[in-house]
Protein backbone atom coordinates (compact mmCIF):
# COMPACT_ATOMS: atom_id res chain seq x y z
CA MET A 1 126.20 117.48 155.94
CA THR A 2 125.49 119.64 152.89
CA ARG A 3 122.56 118.40 150.82
CA PRO A 4 123.41 117.74 147.14
CA PRO A 5 121.82 120.01 144.51
CA ARG A 6 118.29 118.95 143.62
CA PRO A 7 117.66 117.21 140.26
CA LEU A 8 115.68 119.48 137.93
CA LEU A 9 113.42 118.53 135.01
CA PHE A 10 112.19 121.03 132.44
CA ASP A 11 109.62 121.04 129.67
CA MET A 12 110.85 122.89 126.57
CA ASP A 13 108.17 124.52 124.38
CA GLY A 14 106.59 127.44 126.19
CA LEU A 15 108.75 126.89 129.26
CA LEU A 16 112.37 127.24 128.14
CA LEU A 17 111.82 128.35 124.55
CA ASP A 18 109.25 130.78 123.17
CA THR A 19 108.27 128.39 120.42
CA GLU A 20 104.54 128.05 121.07
CA ARG A 21 103.74 131.50 119.66
CA VAL A 22 105.79 130.79 116.55
CA ILE A 23 104.06 127.46 116.01
CA GLN A 24 100.70 129.14 116.58
CA ALA A 25 101.44 131.79 113.93
CA ALA A 26 102.55 129.10 111.47
CA PHE A 27 99.46 127.01 112.21
CA VAL A 28 97.06 129.93 111.76
CA GLU A 29 98.73 130.93 108.48
CA GLU A 30 98.66 127.44 107.00
CA CYS A 31 95.04 126.90 108.08
CA ALA A 32 94.15 130.18 106.35
CA ARG A 33 95.67 128.84 103.12
CA LEU A 34 93.12 126.03 103.36
CA GLY A 35 90.25 128.42 103.97
CA ARG A 36 90.00 127.96 107.73
CA ALA A 37 90.36 131.10 109.81
CA GLY A 38 88.96 132.90 112.82
CA ASN A 39 88.55 132.09 116.48
CA GLU A 40 87.97 128.40 115.92
CA VAL A 41 91.53 128.03 114.58
CA HIS A 42 93.03 129.86 117.56
CA ASP A 43 90.87 127.88 120.00
CA LEU A 44 91.89 124.59 118.43
CA PHE A 45 95.58 125.45 118.72
CA LEU A 46 95.35 126.60 122.33
CA GLY A 47 93.51 123.42 123.25
CA MET A 48 96.37 121.33 121.86
CA VAL A 49 99.27 123.01 123.68
CA GLY A 50 101.34 120.38 125.46
CA THR A 51 99.79 117.38 123.70
CA SER A 52 101.63 114.71 121.72
CA GLY A 53 102.28 114.90 118.00
CA ALA A 54 99.98 111.94 117.35
CA GLU A 55 97.07 113.57 119.17
CA VAL A 56 97.68 116.88 117.40
CA SER A 57 97.59 115.16 114.00
CA GLU A 58 94.37 113.37 114.86
CA ARG A 59 92.58 116.49 116.11
CA VAL A 60 93.80 118.70 113.26
CA GLY A 61 92.84 116.04 110.73
CA ARG A 62 89.28 115.96 112.08
CA PHE A 63 89.16 119.77 112.05
CA LEU A 64 90.41 120.21 108.49
CA GLY A 65 88.40 117.33 107.03
CA MET A 66 88.99 114.18 105.04
CA GLY A 67 90.23 115.88 101.89
CA VAL A 68 93.33 117.41 103.47
CA ASP A 69 96.72 115.76 103.03
CA MET A 70 97.98 115.78 106.62
CA VAL A 71 101.52 114.85 105.63
CA ALA A 72 101.70 117.87 103.33
CA PHE A 73 100.03 120.08 105.95
CA SER A 74 102.51 119.03 108.64
CA ALA A 75 105.40 119.67 106.24
CA ALA A 76 104.01 123.13 105.49
CA ILE A 77 103.79 123.92 109.21
CA GLU A 78 107.38 122.81 109.75
CA ALA A 79 108.65 124.83 106.78
CA ASN A 80 106.74 127.88 108.00
CA PHE A 81 108.16 127.46 111.51
CA ASN A 82 111.69 127.07 110.14
CA ARG A 83 111.36 130.29 108.14
CA ARG A 84 110.23 132.15 111.23
CA THR A 85 113.10 130.82 113.35
CA ALA A 86 115.87 131.08 110.75
CA ASP A 87 117.70 133.57 112.96
CA GLY A 88 117.27 131.46 116.12
CA VAL A 89 114.71 130.49 118.72
CA ALA A 90 113.87 132.99 121.46
CA MET A 91 113.96 131.98 125.13
CA ARG A 92 111.20 132.55 127.64
CA PRO A 93 111.74 135.28 130.28
CA THR A 94 114.62 134.73 132.78
CA VAL A 95 115.70 131.44 131.16
CA ALA A 96 118.95 132.84 129.74
CA GLU A 97 120.08 133.86 133.22
CA VAL A 98 118.88 131.04 135.45
CA ILE A 99 119.74 127.91 133.44
CA PRO A 100 123.50 128.64 133.36
CA ALA A 101 123.34 129.60 137.04
CA LEU A 102 121.68 126.31 137.93
CA ALA A 103 124.23 124.33 135.93
CA GLY A 104 127.04 126.26 137.60
CA ALA A 105 125.59 125.42 141.01
CA GLY A 106 125.84 121.71 140.19
CA HIS A 107 122.21 120.80 139.57
CA ASP A 108 121.65 117.68 137.50
CA MET A 109 119.21 118.80 134.79
CA ALA A 110 117.27 117.27 131.91
CA VAL A 111 114.65 118.34 129.39
CA VAL A 112 111.41 116.34 129.12
CA THR A 113 109.53 117.40 125.98
CA SER A 114 106.79 116.18 123.66
CA THR A 115 108.87 117.41 120.72
CA SER A 116 111.02 114.77 119.03
CA GLY A 117 114.45 114.39 120.62
CA ASP A 118 116.50 115.38 117.57
CA ARG A 119 114.43 118.49 116.91
CA ALA A 120 114.47 119.51 120.58
CA CYS A 121 118.26 119.20 120.70
CA ARG A 122 118.55 121.36 117.60
CA TYR A 123 116.36 124.11 119.07
CA LEU A 124 118.17 124.04 122.41
CA ALA A 125 121.54 124.17 120.69
CA GLN A 126 120.42 127.18 118.63
CA ALA A 127 119.45 128.90 121.89
CA GLY A 128 122.79 128.06 123.52
CA LEU A 129 121.16 125.93 126.23
CA LEU A 130 121.81 122.34 125.21
CA ASP A 131 125.15 121.86 126.97
CA HIS A 132 123.62 122.72 130.35
CA PHE A 133 121.48 119.56 130.36
CA ARG A 134 122.63 116.00 130.92
CA PHE A 135 120.13 114.74 128.33
CA VAL A 136 116.98 115.59 126.39
CA LEU A 137 114.12 113.08 126.52
CA GLY A 138 111.96 113.58 123.44
CA GLY A 139 108.36 112.61 122.82
CA ASP A 140 109.49 110.00 120.32
CA GLU A 141 111.59 108.26 122.99
CA VAL A 142 108.91 107.40 125.56
CA PRO A 143 106.31 104.60 125.70
CA ALA A 144 103.44 107.01 126.47
CA ALA A 145 103.05 110.75 125.98
CA LYS A 146 102.15 113.43 128.49
CA PRO A 147 99.80 113.55 130.47
CA ASP A 148 100.99 109.99 131.15
CA PRO A 149 103.64 110.10 133.90
CA ALA A 150 106.03 107.86 131.93
CA PRO A 151 108.23 110.66 130.51
CA TYR A 152 108.96 112.13 133.94
CA ARG A 153 109.47 108.74 135.54
CA MET A 154 111.92 107.79 132.80
CA ALA A 155 113.80 111.07 133.12
CA ALA A 156 114.12 110.73 136.89
CA GLU A 157 115.41 107.18 136.49
CA ARG A 158 118.02 108.35 133.98
CA LEU A 159 119.14 111.01 136.45
CA GLY A 160 119.45 108.32 139.11
CA CYS A 161 116.79 109.67 141.44
CA ALA A 162 113.23 108.94 142.49
CA PRO A 163 110.59 111.22 140.89
CA GLY A 164 109.79 112.60 144.33
CA GLU A 165 113.33 113.92 144.64
CA ALA A 166 113.07 115.91 141.40
CA LEU A 167 111.65 119.37 140.85
CA ALA A 168 109.77 119.70 137.54
CA PHE A 169 108.80 122.83 135.61
CA GLU A 170 105.95 122.91 133.09
CA ASP A 171 103.79 125.45 131.31
CA SER A 172 100.86 123.40 130.01
CA ASP A 173 98.12 121.61 131.92
CA THR A 174 98.98 118.40 130.08
CA GLY A 175 102.62 118.50 131.09
CA THR A 176 101.79 119.54 134.64
CA ARG A 177 99.51 116.52 135.01
CA ALA A 178 102.31 114.26 133.78
CA ALA A 179 104.86 115.63 136.25
CA VAL A 180 102.47 115.58 139.22
CA ARG A 181 101.28 112.05 138.42
CA ALA A 182 104.90 110.91 138.25
CA GLY A 183 105.40 112.17 141.81
CA CYS A 184 107.59 115.20 141.04
CA THR A 185 107.28 118.43 142.97
CA THR A 186 105.93 120.56 140.14
CA VAL A 187 105.87 124.26 139.28
CA GLN A 188 103.51 125.39 136.54
CA ILE A 189 104.46 128.57 134.68
CA PRO A 190 101.52 129.18 132.32
CA ASP A 191 102.16 130.46 128.81
CA LEU A 192 99.54 130.17 126.05
CA ARG A 193 96.11 128.95 127.20
CA PRO A 194 92.43 129.59 126.38
CA ALA A 195 91.10 132.83 127.87
CA GLY A 196 89.41 132.32 131.22
CA GLN A 197 90.44 128.68 131.55
CA PRO A 198 91.41 128.04 135.19
CA LEU A 199 94.55 126.12 136.05
CA PRO A 200 93.93 122.55 137.16
CA ALA A 201 94.04 121.99 140.92
CA LEU A 202 96.72 119.30 141.06
CA GLY A 203 98.74 120.46 144.04
CA GLN A 204 101.31 122.14 141.81
CA HIS A 205 103.02 125.41 142.62
CA VAL A 206 102.30 128.27 140.19
CA SER A 207 104.66 131.06 139.17
CA VAL A 208 104.95 133.87 136.64
CA ASN A 209 108.39 132.96 135.26
CA LEU A 210 111.19 130.48 135.78
CA ALA A 211 113.26 132.66 138.11
CA ALA A 212 110.28 133.26 140.39
CA GLY A 213 109.44 129.55 140.35
CA LEU A 214 112.96 128.64 141.35
CA ALA A 215 112.91 131.24 144.10
CA LEU A 216 110.09 129.30 145.77
CA PHE A 217 112.75 126.71 146.58
CA ASP A 218 115.63 129.11 147.17
CA LEU A 219 117.15 128.29 143.78
CA PRO A 220 119.33 128.75 141.75
CA GLY A 221 122.42 127.87 143.67
């Protein structure tokens, strides 16, 4: 009997979409407006990749100091990001080819992201990817953020499978921990990370891009 296509779960920022570099540029620029520049700004950003919005706000607030209006700073970051992506959001390497191929092969697919659901859907729609996924599970729709396994467990349940049946793809250490802890077979495809920082030894597979990661499992199709 032919085995049904495997359920697939994908992170978004830095995995499907090349948004992390844009956010980094916006963050560095807005920090410079407040007189904070140099390696410490870059190091702070890289250390926050993959974390929840609440944790980012807390860490940035401590970094910038008590006198900074974090609501205004967050709004400035978002406006800066929107200016930089006015013509669309770029995809990570091989994504434009493999995601439609996977959908065409019948794989049940979902996005599991720390970005809010509405915003994630908007970015994916701009990139022409949204319709390939059954749903998008945003960071504002889960009881606990990555690295907690809750987002991946919830996504697997919504797809009607056990986490162990699903194949998950992540770029960050935080997201990889979440997927592995949930019980998913996990492929980490690193994007932005601090120089010299080793990947965590979690039993995950590691690949250079999405197509190569899929090829480890004779996917797509």
